[in-house]
Amino acid sequence: MLTASGDALSDRDQPLTTAVLCSYQEQTGLVRLQLCARLMLRMSAGVVPLLMDEPGLRVDPLTGAFVVVTPWRQDRPNLPEGGCPFCPGGLEAPRPYDAVWIPNRWPALPDGRHEVILHSPDHGSSFPALGVTGTSRVIELWSARTAELGARADVSYVFVFENRGRAIGATIDHPHSQILAFNLIPPIPRAELSQAACNLCGDLDGRLMVTCHPGWLARVPWAPSWPYELLIFPERHVADLPTAGPRLRGGLAAILVDCLSRVERLFGAAVPYMLWVHQRPTTGQDWPAAHLHLHLAPLLRRPGRIRHLAGAELGAGVFFDPVDPPAAAAQLKTATGPS
């Protein structure tokens, strides 16, 4: 293990066993990261552990935050003017397609562990425009890629996400999502997985419910990071996209189209949003708290007004929500009819 300056540490500073670390975690305030060997790594007092074998991964010695350094992504094209590379006949999609996956030309992770999913050949499309049938094609690709990438020995977690709209930083307007296949379990999914019981299987607050479809529910979180954030999850305890099966995945397409249509009715068809999938790690271990779910986070706090993350959220780690969650749920619940 190395210090922040690159110096080697003595034997007493090497990784501690679970039992030893737990015995004085309260005294030292250590940040813990459990590895598959069930050892704990120290992340305090300037110690930066060498985590697994993820090239470019660093851990902030002050906060324990994970950072992957990818300088080659600085030169990727931003809203290219010479034709869309994702349209049929373009640089990345030379042949016709309905929905297809391609490797990311500027990957954030190496060795084919960063992919792009092209949702449709229609440059101006969206999940509501694709409807349930078109959205199902995309979700089936998410599931197939989760299974294939998750079978790799160098992959522990398959993370599916979409950044929609220029305001959120999308560099190409064509509808697409991405997949990152991490060789470790990222901190936020790990925090969810560390719970003793599945929170999504508990009693639900009816004031937060927005909509339901056969096998699926959508509600506003009790403590949302984004004012109109939605949590979409199956009623029964299903761990990941592949084990959900085609019928349940079809239900996900229906409720996702419903939820995004409601968001569009509130904020307009061009509403920017983030969407990400949390599912079971692919380590082969038992993860009893793993309950497949999606987070849908519109970027707006009211029509035309972006909800910015600033000093308090990034510096203190505390989110301030300007909309009462039951009020957000009520607005989304009544947002029915044509977009």
Protein backbone atom coordinates (compact mmCIF):
# COMPACT_ATOMS: atom_id res chain seq x y z
CA MET A 1 0.00 0.00 0.00
CA LEU A 2 1.17 3.56 -0.74
CA THR A 3 0.78 6.91 0.94
CA ALA A 4 -0.49 9.89 -1.03
CA SER A 5 3.14 10.73 -1.79
CA GLY A 6 3.86 7.24 -3.11
CA ASP A 7 5.90 6.00 -0.14
CA ALA A 8 5.52 2.42 1.03
CA LEU A 9 3.98 1.81 4.44
CA SER A 10 5.24 -0.51 7.14
CA ASP A 11 3.65 -3.85 7.99
CA ARG A 12 1.50 -2.30 10.70
CA ASP A 13 -0.09 -0.06 8.06
CA GLN A 14 -1.02 -2.92 5.75
CA PRO A 15 -4.71 -3.93 5.27
CA LEU A 16 -6.42 -4.95 8.49
CA THR A 17 -8.69 -7.93 8.98
CA THR A 18 -12.40 -7.36 9.44
CA ALA A 19 -12.28 -8.20 13.14
CA VAL A 20 -9.40 -5.88 13.94
CA LEU A 21 -10.81 -2.98 11.91
CA CYS A 22 -14.28 -3.24 13.39
CA SER A 23 -12.83 -3.22 16.89
CA TYR A 24 -11.61 0.35 16.49
CA GLN A 25 -13.58 1.89 13.68
CA GLU A 26 -15.48 4.08 16.16
CA GLN A 27 -12.21 5.37 17.63
CA THR A 28 -10.61 6.25 14.31
CA GLY A 29 -13.52 7.08 12.00
CA LEU A 30 -12.11 4.92 9.23
CA VAL A 31 -13.89 4.65 5.92
CA ARG A 32 -14.34 0.95 5.13
CA LEU A 33 -14.33 -0.83 1.81
CA GLN A 34 -14.94 -4.58 1.93
CA LEU A 35 -13.15 -6.59 -0.73
CA CYS A 36 -14.01 -10.11 -1.85
CA ALA A 37 -11.12 -11.46 0.26
CA ARG A 38 -12.99 -9.98 3.26
CA LEU A 39 -10.12 -7.68 4.12
CA MET A 40 -10.60 -4.02 4.87
CA LEU A 41 -8.49 -1.21 3.45
CA ARG A 42 -7.66 1.89 5.39
CA MET A 43 -8.60 5.24 3.84
CA SER A 44 -7.48 7.84 6.35
CA ALA A 45 -4.47 9.92 7.35
CA GLY A 46 -3.29 10.24 3.75
CA VAL A 47 -3.34 6.52 2.99
CA VAL A 48 -4.39 5.73 -0.58
CA PRO A 49 -4.96 1.99 -1.07
CA LEU A 50 -4.24 0.21 -4.32
CA LEU A 51 -7.77 -1.03 -5.02
CA MET A 52 -8.07 -4.16 -7.11
CA ASP A 53 -6.60 -3.50 -10.58
CA GLU A 54 -8.67 -0.64 -12.02
CA PRO A 55 -6.32 1.51 -14.14
CA GLY A 56 -6.53 5.18 -13.28
CA LEU A 57 -8.53 4.65 -10.07
CA ARG A 58 -7.58 6.92 -7.21
CA VAL A 59 -9.08 7.42 -3.77
CA ASP A 60 -9.18 10.91 -2.31
CA PRO A 61 -7.18 10.61 0.93
CA LEU A 62 -9.39 13.24 2.60
CA THR A 63 -12.85 11.93 1.74
CA GLY A 64 -12.41 8.39 0.45
CA ALA A 65 -14.14 9.39 -2.82
CA PHE A 66 -13.36 7.26 -5.88
CA VAL A 67 -11.91 9.06 -8.93
CA VAL A 68 -10.92 7.45 -12.22
CA VAL A 69 -8.48 9.62 -14.18
CA THR A 70 -9.23 9.47 -17.94
CA PRO A 71 -7.35 12.28 -19.72
CA TRP A 72 -7.97 10.77 -23.19
CA ARG A 73 -11.69 11.58 -22.83
CA GLN A 74 -10.93 15.30 -22.84
CA ASP A 75 -10.72 15.28 -26.64
CA ARG A 76 -13.94 13.40 -27.40
CA PRO A 77 -16.26 15.27 -29.78
CA ASN A 78 -18.89 17.59 -28.35
CA LEU A 79 -22.07 17.88 -30.44
CA PRO A 80 -20.24 17.09 -33.73
CA GLU A 81 -21.30 19.22 -36.67
CA GLY A 82 -20.22 16.87 -39.46
CA GLY A 83 -23.15 14.48 -39.08
CA CYS A 84 -24.30 12.39 -36.14
CA PRO A 85 -22.00 9.40 -35.57
CA PHE A 86 -24.91 7.39 -34.10
CA CYS A 87 -27.33 7.81 -37.02
CA PRO A 88 -27.38 4.91 -39.54
CA GLY A 89 -24.49 5.42 -41.93
CA GLY A 90 -22.56 7.45 -39.37
CA LEU A 91 -19.10 6.73 -38.00
CA GLU A 92 -20.28 4.48 -35.16
CA ALA A 93 -23.32 2.95 -36.92
CA PRO A 94 -22.41 2.22 -40.54
CA ARG A 95 -25.24 -0.30 -40.99
CA PRO A 96 -29.02 -0.09 -40.36
CA TYR A 97 -30.22 -1.04 -36.87
CA ASP A 98 -33.22 -0.94 -34.53
CA ALA A 99 -31.26 -0.92 -31.24
CA VAL A 100 -27.63 -1.90 -30.98
CA TRP A 101 -24.63 -1.79 -28.65
CA ILE A 102 -21.21 -0.50 -29.67
CA PRO A 103 -17.91 -0.09 -27.81
CA ASN A 104 -17.25 3.41 -26.52
CA ARG A 105 -14.52 5.00 -28.64
CA TRP A 106 -13.42 7.11 -25.64
CA PRO A 107 -13.89 4.65 -22.79
CA ALA A 108 -13.89 5.61 -19.13
CA LEU A 109 -12.89 2.01 -18.32
CA PRO A 110 -10.46 -0.08 -20.42
CA ASP A 111 -10.61 -3.54 -21.97
CA GLY A 112 -14.05 -3.21 -23.54
CA ARG A 113 -15.79 -2.39 -20.26
CA HIS A 114 -17.51 0.80 -21.46
CA GLU A 115 -20.28 0.41 -24.02
CA VAL A 116 -22.87 2.62 -25.71
CA ILE A 117 -26.44 1.46 -26.38
CA LEU A 118 -28.07 3.16 -29.37
CA HIS A 119 -31.81 3.25 -28.67
CA SER A 120 -33.15 3.96 -32.15
CA PRO A 121 -32.06 5.02 -35.64
CA ASP A 122 -34.33 8.06 -35.19
CA HIS A 123 -32.11 10.95 -34.09
CA GLY A 124 -34.97 12.79 -32.41
CA SER A 125 -36.53 9.85 -30.60
CA SER A 126 -37.00 9.21 -26.86
CA PHE A 127 -38.37 6.44 -24.70
CA PRO A 128 -41.92 7.88 -24.79
CA ALA A 129 -41.65 8.22 -28.58
CA LEU A 130 -40.33 4.66 -28.90
CA GLY A 131 -43.27 3.36 -26.90
CA VAL A 132 -43.30 0.09 -25.00
CA THR A 133 -42.13 -2.03 -27.96
CA GLY A 134 -39.13 0.14 -28.80
CA THR A 135 -38.21 0.65 -25.16
CA SER A 136 -38.37 -3.12 -24.61
CA ARG A 137 -35.71 -3.57 -27.30
CA VAL A 138 -33.38 -1.29 -25.38
CA ILE A 139 -34.04 -2.99 -22.04
CA GLU A 140 -33.41 -6.40 -23.59
CA LEU A 141 -30.02 -5.09 -24.72
CA TRP A 142 -29.32 -3.80 -21.21
CA SER A 143 -30.10 -7.25 -19.86
CA ALA A 144 -28.07 -9.15 -22.46
CA ARG A 145 -25.05 -6.91 -21.96
CA THR A 146 -25.38 -7.21 -18.17
CA ALA A 147 -25.24 -11.00 -18.50
CA GLU A 148 -22.32 -11.06 -20.93
CA LEU A 149 -20.20 -8.43 -19.22
CA GLY A 150 -21.05 -9.79 -15.78
CA ALA A 151 -19.71 -13.22 -16.78
CA ARG A 152 -16.22 -11.77 -17.20
CA ALA A 153 -13.69 -12.49 -14.47
CA ASP A 154 -12.63 -8.84 -14.43
CA VAL A 155 -16.15 -7.47 -13.84
CA SER A 156 -17.87 -7.19 -10.45
CA TYR A 157 -20.64 -4.70 -11.20
CA VAL A 158 -22.53 -3.74 -14.38
CA PHE A 159 -23.84 -0.18 -14.24
CA VAL A 160 -26.39 0.97 -16.84
CA PHE A 161 -27.16 4.69 -17.15
CA GLU A 162 -28.49 7.40 -19.45
CA ASN A 163 -27.63 11.11 -19.45
CA ARG A 164 -30.34 12.79 -21.51
CA GLY A 165 -29.97 16.35 -22.76
CA ARG A 166 -27.25 18.93 -23.22
CA ALA A 167 -27.92 20.46 -19.80
CA ILE A 168 -26.76 17.25 -18.14
CA GLY A 169 -23.64 17.08 -20.30
CA ALA A 170 -24.63 14.74 -23.14
CA THR A 171 -22.13 15.35 -25.94
CA ILE A 172 -24.29 13.71 -28.64
CA ASP A 173 -28.02 14.35 -28.95
CA HIS A 174 -28.88 10.98 -30.49
CA PRO A 175 -30.81 8.82 -27.95
CA HIS A 176 -28.38 6.49 -26.24
CA SER A 177 -27.43 5.04 -22.89
CA GLN A 178 -24.15 3.65 -21.59
CA ILE A 179 -22.84 0.69 -19.63
CA LEU A 180 -19.82 0.68 -17.33
CA ALA A 181 -18.55 -2.72 -16.21
CA PHE A 182 -16.57 -2.07 -13.02
CA ASN A 183 -14.14 -4.54 -11.55
CA LEU A 184 -15.21 -3.42 -8.09
CA ILE A 185 -18.59 -2.51 -6.62
CA PRO A 186 -19.02 1.28 -6.72
CA PRO A 187 -19.65 3.07 -3.41
CA ILE A 188 -23.32 4.00 -3.86
CA PRO A 189 -24.54 0.55 -4.93
CA ARG A 190 -22.39 -0.93 -2.15
CA ALA A 191 -24.04 1.35 0.39
CA GLU A 192 -27.48 0.14 -0.75
CA LEU A 193 -26.35 -3.48 -0.69
CA SER A 194 -24.95 -3.17 2.84
CA GLN A 195 -28.42 -2.79 4.36
CA ALA A 196 -29.52 -5.63 6.65
CA ALA A 197 -32.93 -5.87 4.95
CA CYS A 198 -34.35 -4.86 1.59
CA ASN A 199 -35.84 -1.39 1.91
CA LEU A 200 -37.89 -1.81 -1.26
CA CYS A 201 -39.69 -4.84 0.16
CA GLY A 202 -40.97 -2.90 3.18
CA ASP A 203 -44.23 -1.08 3.72
CA LEU A 204 -44.75 1.75 1.22
CA ASP A 205 -45.92 5.28 2.02
CA GLY A 206 -48.95 5.80 -0.18
CA ARG A 207 -48.32 9.56 -0.32
CA LEU A 208 -45.17 8.90 -2.34
CA MET A 209 -46.67 6.52 -4.90
CA VAL A 210 -46.94 7.82 -8.46
CA THR A 211 -47.99 4.93 -10.70
CA CYS A 212 -47.97 1.18 -11.02
CA HIS A 213 -48.01 -1.41 -13.80
CA PRO A 214 -48.29 -5.19 -13.53
CA GLY A 215 -45.33 -6.25 -11.42
CA TRP A 216 -43.87 -2.73 -11.08
CA LEU A 217 -44.17 0.33 -8.84
CA ALA A 218 -42.90 3.90 -9.15
CA ARG A 219 -42.65 6.31 -6.24
CA VAL A 220 -40.82 9.41 -5.14
CA PRO A 221 -38.10 8.56 -2.58
CA TRP A 222 -38.67 9.65 1.01
CA ALA A 223 -35.39 11.64 0.88
CA PRO A 224 -34.79 12.42 -2.82
CA SER A 225 -31.57 14.00 -4.01
CA TRP A 226 -33.49 15.52 -6.93
CA PRO A 227 -36.88 17.25 -6.46
CA TYR A 228 -38.83 15.06 -8.89
CA GLU A 229 -36.72 11.92 -8.61
CA LEU A 230 -38.54 8.62 -9.16
CA LEU A 231 -37.67 5.17 -7.88
CA ILE A 232 -38.89 2.39 -10.22
CA PHE A 233 -38.78 -1.19 -8.94
CA PRO A 234 -40.49 -4.60 -9.25
CA GLU A 235 -43.02 -5.56 -6.59
CA ARG A 236 -41.32 -8.88 -5.93
CA HIS A 237 -37.71 -9.19 -4.87
CA VAL A 238 -35.80 -9.55 -8.16
CA ALA A 239 -32.04 -9.07 -8.10
CA ASP A 240 -31.08 -8.00 -11.62
CA LEU A 241 -32.21 -7.54 -15.21
CA PRO A 242 -31.25 -11.01 -16.48
CA THR A 243 -33.12 -12.86 -13.71
CA ALA A 244 -36.18 -10.63 -14.14
CA GLY A 245 -37.09 -12.54 -17.31
CA PRO A 246 -38.59 -11.16 -20.53
CA ARG A 247 -42.12 -10.70 -19.17
CA LEU A 248 -41.06 -8.60 -16.18
CA ARG A 249 -38.60 -6.67 -18.34
CA GLY A 250 -41.53 -5.90 -20.65
CA GLY A 251 -43.35 -4.46 -17.64
CA LEU A 252 -40.33 -2.29 -16.94
CA ALA A 253 -40.59 -0.86 -20.46
CA ALA A 254 -44.23 0.03 -19.84
CA ILE A 255 -43.67 1.79 -16.51
CA LEU A 256 -40.53 3.57 -17.75
CA VAL A 257 -42.46 5.00 -20.70
CA ASP A 258 -45.26 6.00 -18.30
CA CYS A 259 -42.90 7.72 -15.84
CA LEU A 260 -40.99 9.63 -18.52
CA SER A 261 -44.25 10.69 -20.15
CA ARG A 262 -45.38 12.13 -16.81
CA VAL A 263 -42.08 13.98 -16.45
CA GLU A 264 -42.47 15.39 -19.98
CA ARG A 265 -45.97 16.61 -19.18
CA LEU A 266 -44.64 18.51 -16.19
CA PHE A 267 -41.49 19.96 -17.77
CA GLY A 268 -41.77 19.64 -21.55
CA ALA A 269 -40.58 17.09 -24.10
CA ALA A 270 -36.96 18.27 -24.01
CA VAL A 271 -36.59 17.78 -20.23
CA PRO A 272 -33.02 16.75 -19.32
CA TYR A 273 -32.71 13.82 -16.95
CA MET A 274 -30.45 11.12 -15.58
CA LEU A 275 -31.46 7.47 -15.40
CA TRP A 276 -29.47 4.69 -13.79
CA VAL A 277 -29.98 1.04 -12.87
CA HIS A 278 -28.94 -0.55 -9.59
CA GLN A 279 -28.80 -4.33 -9.61
CA ARG A 280 -26.99 -7.29 -8.07
CA PRO A 281 -23.20 -7.42 -8.37
CA THR A 282 -21.80 -10.13 -10.60
CA THR A 283 -19.34 -11.50 -8.03
CA GLY A 284 -21.29 -14.73 -7.50
CA GLN A 285 -21.84 -13.95 -3.82
CA ASP A 286 -25.19 -13.79 -2.05
CA TRP A 287 -26.53 -10.23 -1.92
CA PRO A 288 -29.81 -10.39 0.06
CA ALA A 289 -30.46 -6.63 -0.20
CA ALA A 290 -30.06 -6.60 -4.00
CA HIS A 291 -33.45 -5.53 -5.38
CA LEU A 292 -33.40 -4.37 -9.00
CA HIS A 293 -34.45 -0.72 -9.31
CA LEU A 294 -34.01 2.38 -11.46
CA HIS A 295 -33.48 5.97 -10.39
CA LEU A 296 -35.01 8.56 -12.72
CA ALA A 297 -33.82 12.07 -11.90
CA PRO A 298 -35.15 15.01 -13.93
CA LEU A 299 -32.71 17.91 -13.83
CA LEU A 300 -35.39 20.57 -13.31
CA ARG A 301 -37.02 21.80 -10.10
CA ARG A 302 -39.74 23.62 -12.03
CA PRO A 303 -40.37 24.22 -15.75
CA GLY A 304 -37.37 25.98 -17.26
CA ARG A 305 -35.45 26.07 -13.96
CA ILE A 306 -32.47 23.74 -13.44
CA ARG A 307 -31.84 22.29 -10.01
CA HIS A 308 -28.10 22.88 -9.57
CA LEU A 309 -25.78 20.96 -7.29
CA ALA A 310 -23.48 23.45 -5.59
CA GLY A 311 -21.32 24.02 -2.53
CA ALA A 312 -23.57 22.47 0.11
CA GLU A 313 -24.22 19.29 -1.82
CA LEU A 314 -20.66 18.80 -3.06
CA GLY A 315 -18.77 20.30 -0.14
CA ALA A 316 -20.90 19.16 2.80
CA GLY A 317 -22.55 16.12 1.25
CA VAL A 318 -26.02 17.37 2.25
CA PHE A 319 -28.81 17.74 -0.31
CA PHE A 320 -31.46 20.44 0.07
CA ASP A 321 -34.73 19.58 -1.68
CA PRO A 322 -36.93 22.60 -2.53
CA VAL A 323 -40.00 20.42 -3.22
CA ASP A 324 -41.80 18.38 -0.54
CA PRO A 325 -41.66 14.73 -1.71
CA PRO A 326 -45.41 14.05 -1.28
CA ALA A 327 -46.12 17.23 -3.28
CA ALA A 328 -43.79 16.07 -6.07
CA ALA A 329 -45.51 12.67 -6.07
CA ALA A 330 -48.94 14.30 -6.28
CA GLN A 331 -47.89 16.41 -9.28
CA LEU A 332 -46.44 13.41 -11.09
CA LYS A 333 -49.47 11.27 -10.25
CA THR A 334 -51.85 13.77 -11.87
CA ALA A 335 -49.61 14.36 -14.92
CA THR A 336 -51.66 12.21 -17.26
CA GLY A 337 -52.93 12.69 -20.79
CA PRO A 338 -51.14 13.68 -24.00
CA SER A 339 -47.61 15.10 -23.61
